[in-house]
C-alpha atoms as a PDB file:
ATOM      1  CA  MET A   1     173.938  38.704 -97.852  1.00  0.00           C
ATOM      2  CA  THR A   2     172.615  39.345 -94.385  1.00  0.00           C
ATOM      3  CA  SER A   3     172.595  42.872 -93.026  1.00  0.00           C
ATOM      4  CA  LEU A   4     171.732  44.387 -89.646  1.00  0.00           C
ATOM      5  CA  THR A   5     167.997  44.956 -89.605  1.00  0.00           C
ATOM      6  CA  SER A   6     168.466  48.423 -88.354  1.00  0.00           C
ATOM      7  CA  HIS A   7     171.157  49.442 -90.767  1.00  0.00           C
ATOM      8  CA  PRO A   8     170.602  48.777 -94.478  1.00  0.00           C
ATOM      9  CA  GLN A   9     173.401  47.070 -96.310  1.00  0.00           C
ATOM     10  CA  ILE A  10     175.485  49.163 -98.596  1.00  0.00           C
ATOM     11  CA  SER A  11     176.123  47.238-101.870  1.00  0.00           C
ATOM     12  CA  ILE A  12     178.440  47.691-104.702  1.00  0.00           C
ATOM     13  CA  SER A  13     177.743  46.317-108.303  1.00  0.00           C
ATOM     14  CA  GLN A  14     180.441  44.309-109.916  1.00  0.00           C
ATOM     15  CA  PRO A  15     181.373  42.879-113.293  1.00  0.00           C
ATOM     16  CA  HIS A  16     180.834  39.193-114.162  1.00  0.00           C
ATOM     17  CA  GLN A  17     184.407  37.898-114.229  1.00  0.00           C
ATOM     18  CA  SER A  18     184.094  36.033-110.979  1.00  0.00           C
ATOM     19  CA  VAL A  19     187.384  34.631-109.502  1.00  0.00           C
ATOM     20  CA  VAL A  20     186.265  33.659-105.990  1.00  0.00           C
ATOM     21  CA  GLU A  21     182.480  32.808-105.159  1.00  0.00           C
ATOM     22  CA  VAL A  22     181.330  32.299-101.539  1.00  0.00           C
ATOM     23  CA  GLN A  23     177.651  30.824-101.297  1.00  0.00           C
ATOM     24  CA  ASN A  24     175.855  30.582 -98.055  1.00  0.00           C
ATOM     25  CA  LEU A  25     179.061  29.507 -96.038  1.00  0.00           C
ATOM     26  CA  VAL A  26     178.426  28.573 -92.532  1.00  0.00           C
ATOM     27  CA  TYR A  27     181.484  27.671 -90.223  1.00  0.00           C
ATOM     28  CA  ALA A  28     181.422  26.454 -86.465  1.00  0.00           C
ATOM     29  CA  TYR A  29     184.335  25.427 -84.078  1.00  0.00           C
ATOM     30  CA  PRO A  30     183.371  22.055 -82.425  1.00  0.00           C
ATOM     31  CA  ASP A  31     180.571  22.316 -79.859  1.00  0.00           C
ATOM     32  CA  GLN A  32     180.363  26.139 -80.400  1.00  0.00           C
ATOM     33  CA  GLN A  33     177.864  28.494 -82.203  1.00  0.00           C
ATOM     34  CA  PRO A  34     178.695  29.223 -85.806  1.00  0.00           C
ATOM     35  CA  VAL A  35     181.413  31.826 -86.157  1.00  0.00           C
ATOM     36  CA  LEU A  36     180.387  32.497 -89.780  1.00  0.00           C
ATOM     37  CA  THR A  37     176.602  32.286 -90.922  1.00  0.00           C
ATOM     38  CA  GLU A  38     175.327  32.336 -94.330  1.00  0.00           C
ATOM     39  CA  ILE A  39     178.264  34.283 -95.784  1.00  0.00           C
ATOM     40  CA  SER A  40     177.885  35.025 -99.542  1.00  0.00           C
ATOM     41  CA  PHE A  41     180.146  37.333-101.708  1.00  0.00           C
ATOM     42  CA  THR A  42     181.899  37.385-105.061  1.00  0.00           C
ATOM     43  CA  LEU A  43     185.333  38.639-105.821  1.00  0.00           C
ATOM     44  CA  ASN A  44     186.002  39.571-109.537  1.00  0.00           C
ATOM     45  CA  VAL A  45     189.096  40.124-111.661  1.00  0.00           C
ATOM     46  CA  ALA A  46     190.919  43.217-110.754  1.00  0.00           C
ATOM     47  CA  ASP A  47     189.236  43.341-107.315  1.00  0.00           C
ATOM     48  CA  ARG A  48     191.413  44.669-104.486  1.00  0.00           C
ATOM     49  CA  VAL A  49     189.168  44.071-101.353  1.00  0.00           C
ATOM     50  CA  ALA A  50     189.489  44.801 -97.688  1.00  0.00           C
ATOM     51  CA  LEU A  51     188.112  42.483 -95.173  1.00  0.00           C
ATOM     52  CA  ILE A  52     187.375  44.324 -91.996  1.00  0.00           C
ATOM     53  CA  GLY A  53     185.842  43.715 -88.719  1.00  0.00           C
ATOM     54  CA  ALA A  54     186.216  43.990 -85.020  1.00  0.00           C
ATOM     55  CA  THR A  55     188.510  41.380 -83.275  1.00  0.00           C
ATOM     56  CA  GLY A  56     186.874  38.135 -82.924  1.00  0.00           C
ATOM     57  CA  SER A  57     184.510  38.599 -85.852  1.00  0.00           C
ATOM     58  CA  GLY A  58     185.827  35.720 -87.828  1.00  0.00           C
ATOM     59  CA  LYS A  59     188.001  37.396 -90.535  1.00  0.00           C
ATOM     60  CA  SER A  60     190.870  34.798 -90.206  1.00  0.00           C
ATOM     61  CA  THR A  61     188.430  31.969 -89.949  1.00  0.00           C
ATOM     62  CA  LEU A  62     186.873  33.165 -93.207  1.00  0.00           C
ATOM     63  CA  LEU A  63     190.384  33.380 -94.957  1.00  0.00           C
ATOM     64  CA  GLU A  64     191.258  29.825 -93.786  1.00  0.00           C
ATOM     65  CA  ASN A  65     188.130  28.579 -95.246  1.00  0.00           C
ATOM     66  CA  LEU A  66     189.061  30.137 -98.593  1.00  0.00           C
ATOM     67  CA  ILE A  67     192.208  28.227 -98.714  1.00  0.00           C
ATOM     68  CA  GLY A  68     190.797  24.946 -97.403  1.00  0.00           C
ATOM     69  CA  LEU A  69     192.494  25.067 -93.923  1.00  0.00           C
ATOM     70  CA  LYS A  70     189.231  24.863 -92.447  1.00  0.00           C
ATOM     71  CA  GLN A  71     186.033  23.029 -93.665  1.00  0.00           C
ATOM     72  CA  PRO A  72     182.704  24.649 -93.461  1.00  0.00           C
ATOM     73  CA  GLN A  73     179.601  22.891 -92.157  1.00  0.00           C
ATOM     74  CA  SER A  74     177.688  24.038 -95.132  1.00  0.00           C
ATOM     75  CA  GLY A  75     177.855  26.329 -98.322  1.00  0.00           C
ATOM     76  CA  LYS A  76     180.300  26.442-101.070  1.00  0.00           C
ATOM     77  CA  ILE A  77     183.384  28.112-102.025  1.00  0.00           C
ATOM     78  CA  THR A  78     184.691  28.157-105.788  1.00  0.00           C
ATOM     79  CA  ILE A  79     187.943  29.520-107.002  1.00  0.00           C
ATOM     80  CA  ASN A  80     187.971  30.264-110.818  1.00  0.00           C
ATOM     81  CA  GLY A  81     185.150  27.751-111.341  1.00  0.00           C
ATOM     82  CA  ILE A  82     186.744  25.033-109.181  1.00  0.00           C
ATOM     83  CA  PRO A  83     184.724  24.141-106.113  1.00  0.00           C
ATOM     84  CA  ILE A  84     186.947  23.635-102.920  1.00  0.00           C
ATOM     85  CA  ALA A  85     186.964  20.080-102.082  1.00  0.00           C
ATOM     86  CA  PRO A  86     189.475  17.539-100.689  1.00  0.00           C
ATOM     87  CA  ASN A  87     190.499  16.342-104.170  1.00  0.00           C
ATOM     88  CA  THR A  88     190.780  19.805-105.612  1.00  0.00           C
ATOM     89  CA  LEU A  89     192.934  21.332-102.742  1.00  0.00           C
ATOM     90  CA  PRO A  90     196.165  20.911-104.483  1.00  0.00           C
ATOM     91  CA  GLN A  91     194.936  22.692-107.569  1.00  0.00           C
ATOM     92  CA  ILE A  92     193.293  25.410-105.467  1.00  0.00           C
ATOM     93  CA  ARG A  93     196.169  26.188-103.402  1.00  0.00           C
ATOM     94  CA  ARG A  94     198.467  26.419-106.442  1.00  0.00           C
ATOM     95  CA  GLN A  95     196.414  29.500-107.461  1.00  0.00           C
ATOM     96  CA  ILE A  96     196.299  31.263-104.096  1.00  0.00           C
ATOM     97  CA  GLY A  97     199.144  33.036-102.262  1.00  0.00           C
ATOM     98  CA  PHE A  98     198.226  33.310 -98.471  1.00  0.00           C
ATOM     99  CA  SER A  99     200.032  35.222 -95.915  1.00  0.00           C
ATOM    100  CA  PHE A 100     199.566  34.294 -92.142  1.00  0.00           C
ATOM    101  CA  GLN A 101     199.499  37.054 -89.546  1.00  0.00           C
ATOM    102  CA  ASP A 102     202.979  35.902 -88.337  1.00  0.00           C
ATOM    103  CA  ALA A 103     205.513  35.908 -91.145  1.00  0.00           C
ATOM    104  CA  ASN A 104     207.720  33.531 -88.916  1.00  0.00           C
ATOM    105  CA  ASP A 105     204.997  30.891 -89.899  1.00  0.00           C
ATOM    106  CA  GLN A 106     206.195  30.881 -93.395  1.00  0.00           C
ATOM    107  CA  LEU A 107     209.948  31.440 -93.160  1.00  0.00           C
ATOM    108  CA  PHE A 108     211.640  28.255 -91.867  1.00  0.00           C
ATOM    109  CA  MET A 109     214.790  27.667 -94.054  1.00  0.00           C
ATOM    110  CA  PRO A 110     218.223  28.629 -93.166  1.00  0.00           C
ATOM    111  CA  THR A 111     218.256  31.674 -95.504  1.00  0.00           C
ATOM    112  CA  ILE A 112     215.648  33.922 -97.024  1.00  0.00           C
ATOM    113  CA  LEU A 113     216.954  32.860-100.501  1.00  0.00           C
ATOM    114  CA  GLU A 114     216.209  29.251 -99.618  1.00  0.00           C
ATOM    115  CA  ASP A 115     212.860  30.129 -98.265  1.00  0.00           C
ATOM    116  CA  ILE A 116     211.959  31.874-101.545  1.00  0.00           C
ATOM    117  CA  THR A 117     213.188  28.963-103.735  1.00  0.00           C
ATOM    118  CA  PHE A 118     211.514  26.331-101.512  1.00  0.00           C
ATOM    119  CA  GLY A 119     208.173  26.476-103.090  1.00  0.00           C
ATOM    120  CA  PRO A 120     209.132  26.561-106.727  1.00  0.00           C
ATOM    121  CA  ARG A 121     211.546  23.751-106.295  1.00  0.00           C
ATOM    122  CA  ASN A 122     208.746  21.639-104.776  1.00  0.00           C
ATOM    123  CA  TYR A 123     206.762  22.287-108.123  1.00  0.00           C
ATOM    124  CA  GLY A 124     209.552  20.962-110.172  1.00  0.00           C
ATOM    125  CA  ILE A 125     211.264  24.261-111.136  1.00  0.00           C
ATOM    126  CA  SER A 126     215.076  23.801-111.622  1.00  0.00           C
ATOM    127  CA  HIS A 127     217.476  25.104-108.859  1.00  0.00           C
ATOM    128  CA  VAL A 128     218.855  27.656-111.359  1.00  0.00           C
ATOM    129  CA  ALA A 129     215.617  29.149-112.405  1.00  0.00           C
ATOM    130  CA  ALA A 130     214.062  29.105-108.920  1.00  0.00           C
ATOM    131  CA  LYS A 131     217.282  31.052-107.714  1.00  0.00           C
ATOM    132  CA  ASP A 132     217.216  33.456-110.537  1.00  0.00           C
ATOM    133  CA  LYS A 133     213.496  34.258-109.749  1.00  0.00           C
ATOM    134  CA  ALA A 134     214.182  34.608-106.113  1.00  0.00           C
ATOM    135  CA  GLN A 135     216.993  36.972-106.735  1.00  0.00           C
ATOM    136  CA  GLN A 136     214.731  39.103-108.925  1.00  0.00           C
ATOM    137  CA  ILE A 137     212.093  39.388-106.323  1.00  0.00           C
ATOM    138  CA  LEU A 138     214.382  40.137-103.660  1.00  0.00           C
ATOM    139  CA  ALA A 139     215.979  43.034-105.763  1.00  0.00           C
ATOM    140  CA  GLU A 140     212.349  44.287-106.576  1.00  0.00           C
ATOM    141  CA  PHE A 141     211.493  44.252-102.805  1.00  0.00           C
ATOM    142  CA  GLY A 142     214.897  46.069-101.852  1.00  0.00           C
ATOM    143  CA  LEU A 143     215.886  42.869 -99.883  1.00  0.00           C
ATOM    144  CA  GLU A 144     218.847  41.478-102.113  1.00  0.00           C
ATOM    145  CA  GLN A 145     221.500  42.177 -99.624  1.00  0.00           C
ATOM    146  CA  TYR A 146     219.673  40.021 -97.124  1.00  0.00           C
ATOM    147  CA  ALA A 147     219.449  36.878 -99.481  1.00  0.00           C
ATOM    148  CA  HIS A 148     221.817  34.802 -97.373  1.00  0.00           C
ATOM    149  CA  ARG A 149     220.562  35.813 -93.982  1.00  0.00           C
ATOM    150  CA  SER A 150     217.961  34.004 -91.753  1.00  0.00           C
ATOM    151  CA  ALA A 151     214.609  35.323 -91.089  1.00  0.00           C
ATOM    152  CA  TYR A 152     215.759  36.001 -87.326  1.00  0.00           C
ATOM    153  CA  GLU A 153     218.166  38.482 -88.615  1.00  0.00           C
ATOM    154  CA  LEU A 154     215.790  40.791 -90.386  1.00  0.00           C
ATOM    155  CA  SER A 155     213.397  43.460 -88.994  1.00  0.00           C
ATOM    156  CA  GLY A 156     209.658  42.707 -88.744  1.00  0.00           C
ATOM    157  CA  GLY A 157     209.073  44.878 -91.935  1.00  0.00           C
ATOM    158  CA  GLN A 158     211.696  42.832 -93.900  1.00  0.00           C
ATOM    159  CA  ARG A 159     210.484  39.492 -92.640  1.00  0.00           C
ATOM    160  CA  ARG A 160     206.977  40.514 -93.737  1.00  0.00           C
ATOM    161  CA  LEU A 161     208.225  41.319 -97.323  1.00  0.00           C
ATOM    162  CA  ALA A 162     210.412  38.128 -97.303  1.00  0.00           C
ATOM    163  CA  ALA A 163     207.350  36.029 -96.678  1.00  0.00           C
ATOM    164  CA  LEU A 164     205.369  37.886 -99.311  1.00  0.00           C
ATOM    165  CA  ALA A 165     208.409  37.167-101.764  1.00  0.00           C
ATOM    166  CA  ALA A 166     208.135  33.581-101.027  1.00  0.00           C
ATOM    167  CA  ILE A 167     204.489  33.560-101.905  1.00  0.00           C
ATOM    168  CA  LEU A 168     204.867  35.406-105.112  1.00  0.00           C
ATOM    169  CA  ALA A 169     207.774  33.187-106.342  1.00  0.00           C
ATOM    170  CA  LEU A 170     204.851  30.564-106.921  1.00  0.00           C
ATOM    171  CA  ASP A 171     203.052  33.042-109.247  1.00  0.00           C
ATOM    172  CA  PRO A 172     199.649  32.999-107.589  1.00  0.00           C
ATOM    173  CA  THR A 173     196.634  34.456-109.309  1.00  0.00           C
ATOM    174  CA  ILE A 174     195.036  35.218-106.060  1.00  0.00           C
ATOM    175  CA  LEU A 175     196.690  37.005-103.156  1.00  0.00           C
ATOM    176  CA  ILE A 176     195.090  36.633 -99.504  1.00  0.00           C
ATOM    177  CA  LEU A 177     196.845  38.587 -96.675  1.00  0.00           C
ATOM    178  CA  ASP A 178     195.968  38.308 -92.950  1.00  0.00           C
ATOM    179  CA  GLU A 179     196.896  41.505 -90.940  1.00  0.00           C
ATOM    180  CA  PRO A 180     200.066  42.257 -93.340  1.00  0.00           C
ATOM    181  CA  THR A 181     200.910  45.491 -91.558  1.00  0.00           C
ATOM    182  CA  ASN A 182     201.283  44.009 -88.156  1.00  0.00           C
ATOM    183  CA  GLY A 183     204.379  45.360 -86.475  1.00  0.00           C
ATOM    184  CA  LEU A 184     205.304  47.626 -89.412  1.00  0.00           C
ATOM    185  CA  ASP A 185     206.510  51.014 -89.153  1.00  0.00           C
ATOM    186  CA  PRO A 186     205.161  53.836 -91.517  1.00  0.00           C
ATOM    187  CA  ALA A 187     207.959  53.444 -93.958  1.00  0.00           C
ATOM    188  CA  TRP A 188     207.658  49.657 -94.280  1.00  0.00           C
ATOM    189  CA  ARG A 189     203.789  50.128 -94.410  1.00  0.00           C
ATOM    190  CA  ARG A 190     204.313  52.427 -97.367  1.00  0.00           C
ATOM    191  CA  HIS A 191     206.706  50.269 -99.126  1.00  0.00           C
ATOM    192  CA  LEU A 192     204.464  47.233 -98.786  1.00  0.00           C
ATOM    193  CA  ALA A 193     201.535  49.231-100.269  1.00  0.00           C
ATOM    194  CA  GLN A 194     203.764  50.201-103.206  1.00  0.00           C
ATOM    195  CA  ILE A 195     204.524  46.640-103.936  1.00  0.00           C
ATOM    196  CA  LEU A 196     200.967  45.426-103.655  1.00  0.00           C
ATOM    197  CA  LEU A 197     199.723  48.203-105.842  1.00  0.00           C
ATOM    198  CA  LYS A 198     201.894  46.899-108.736  1.00  0.00           C
ATOM    199  CA  LEU A 199     201.223  43.172-108.541  1.00  0.00           C
ATOM    200  CA  PRO A 200     199.782  41.366-111.764  1.00  0.00           C
ATOM    201  CA  VAL A 201     197.323  39.204-109.809  1.00  0.00           C
ATOM    202  CA  GLN A 202     193.575  38.720-110.342  1.00  0.00           C
ATOM    203  CA  VAL A 203     192.404  39.438-107.055  1.00  0.00           C
ATOM    204  CA  ILE A 204     193.928  40.714-103.636  1.00  0.00           C
ATOM    205  CA  LEU A 205     191.994  40.181-100.378  1.00  0.00           C
ATOM    206  CA  ILE A 206     193.282  41.801 -97.175  1.00  0.00           C
ATOM    207  CA  ALA A 207     192.124  41.372 -93.705  1.00  0.00           C
ATOM    208  CA  SER A 208     193.283  44.221 -91.583  1.00  0.00           C
ATOM    209  CA  HIS A 209     192.492  46.602 -88.743  1.00  0.00           C
ATOM    210  CA  ASP A 210     194.731  49.262 -90.343  1.00  0.00           C
ATOM    211  CA  LEU A 211     191.813  51.318 -92.111  1.00  0.00           C
ATOM    212  CA  HIS A 212     193.828  54.298 -93.222  1.00  0.00           C
ATOM    213  CA  TRP A 213     196.373  51.988 -95.071  1.00  0.00           C
ATOM    214  CA  LEU A 214     193.532  49.805 -96.377  1.00  0.00           C
ATOM    215  CA  GLY A 215     192.176  52.876 -98.176  1.00  0.00           C
ATOM    216  CA  LYS A 216     195.493  53.397-100.131  1.00  0.00           C
ATOM    217  CA  VAL A 217     195.660  49.664-101.352  1.00  0.00           C
ATOM    218  CA  THR A 218     192.020  48.630-101.825  1.00  0.00           C
ATOM    219  CA  GLN A 219     188.854  49.896-103.617  1.00  0.00           C
ATOM    220  CA  ARG A 220     186.200  47.822-102.008  1.00  0.00           C
ATOM    221  CA  ALA A 221     185.470  46.773 -98.455  1.00  0.00           C
ATOM    222  CA  LEU A 222     183.616  43.739 -96.831  1.00  0.00           C
ATOM    223  CA  VAL A 223     182.473  44.400 -93.348  1.00  0.00           C
ATOM    224  CA  LEU A 224     182.270  41.300 -91.242  1.00  0.00           C
ATOM    225  CA  SER A 225     180.129  41.454 -87.944  1.00  0.00           C
ATOM    226  CA  GLY A 226     177.643  39.029 -86.247  1.00  0.00           C
ATOM    227  CA  GLY A 227     179.009  36.127 -88.485  1.00  0.00           C
ATOM    228  CA  SER A 228     177.752  37.920 -91.768  1.00  0.00           C
ATOM    229  CA  ILE A 229     178.848  40.222 -94.431  1.00  0.00           C
ATOM    230  CA  GLN A 230     177.063  43.420 -93.267  1.00  0.00           C
ATOM    231  CA  ILE A 231     178.501  45.853 -95.809  1.00  0.00           C
ATOM    232  CA  ASP A 232     179.834  45.500 -99.272  1.00  0.00           C
ATOM    233  CA  SER A 233     180.868  48.858-100.550  1.00  0.00           C
ATOM    234  CA  HIS A 234     183.494  51.121-102.143  1.00  0.00           C
ATOM    235  CA  ILE A 235     186.084  51.678 -99.411  1.00  0.00           C
ATOM    236  CA  GLN A 236     186.384  55.490 -99.518  1.00  0.00           C
ATOM    237  CA  PRO A 237     182.853  56.419 -98.751  1.00  0.00           C
ATOM    238  CA  LEU A 238     182.902  53.676 -95.950  1.00  0.00           C
ATOM    239  CA  LEU A 239     185.907  55.261 -94.373  1.00  0.00           C
ATOM    240  CA  LYS A 240     184.400  58.655 -94.340  1.00  0.00           C
ATOM    241  CA  ASP A 241     181.168  57.201 -92.495  1.00  0.00           C
ATOM    242  CA  GLY A 242     182.385  57.241 -89.062  1.00  0.00           C
ATOM    243  CA  THR A 243     179.035  56.480 -87.504  1.00  0.00           C
ATOM    244  CA  ASN A 244     178.842  53.159 -89.444  1.00  0.00           C
ATOM    245  CA  LEU A 245     182.093  51.887 -88.711  1.00  0.00           C
ATOM    246  CA  GLU A 246     181.692  52.888 -84.919  1.00  0.00           C
ATOM    247  CA  ARG A 247     178.439  50.672 -85.063  1.00  0.00           C
ATOM    248  CA  PHE A 248     180.816  47.709 -86.136  1.00  0.00           C
ATOM    249  CA  GLY A 249     183.481  48.293 -83.488  1.00  0.00           C
ATOM    250  CA  LEU A 250     185.747  50.156 -86.055  1.00  0.00           C
ATOM    251  CA  PRO A 251     186.286  53.597 -84.914  1.00  0.00           C
ATOM    252  CA  ILE A 252     188.237  55.315 -87.556  1.00  0.00           C
ATOM    253  CA  ASP A 253     190.348  57.627 -85.503  1.00  0.00           C
ATOM    254  CA  TRP A 254     191.867  55.047 -83.015  1.00  0.00           C
END
């Protein structure tokens, strides 16, 4: 990994059960300088990781590379031993649950129940089995009374949980969330945290500016700045290091 020359990188040792491996990733938008340069990191089984960085640092771009929505100019991404390539994308995406910043991008059916059953039905699960699973997830999320409402009848927090429910109905082994607390009040932020802490997935990667909330749901942090991972550390010491966070445009008290 690359680090700022004036500020040595903080590193964290990891076990060897790798789930996501990123090696020397470089990505640039057409006719622009690279947004991501020589990105390398590994996510291991049981990792709960925060991806943090100032606005415009490339967090969403990196996440979209991890699920194959964007193709890097160079480098390699491997998911559970499978390199991301055009012919492996269906297999890769079957393992990853990805939540966009705007929950409305993922809720498009007439009712929430239909949104949650849509994915499983596309994978050949029977209507009855898909509906049973959807109702179970809705109950766990406290949304069962909204099953037959449209997304537009729900609050922002309810839509966020409904979008997450639709993802989890596909039984992903990896969960990647982009700014999941956007628009949520404190009660919904706590509810979302409680759900995430109980999920039986291999890896959770969360991009967010909500540093205090990240401190409750993740154990490790990757700091993205200048196109590179500048810090890879346990999150709690990092959150207490206001000076270092300030250097990367992440003042902890604002």
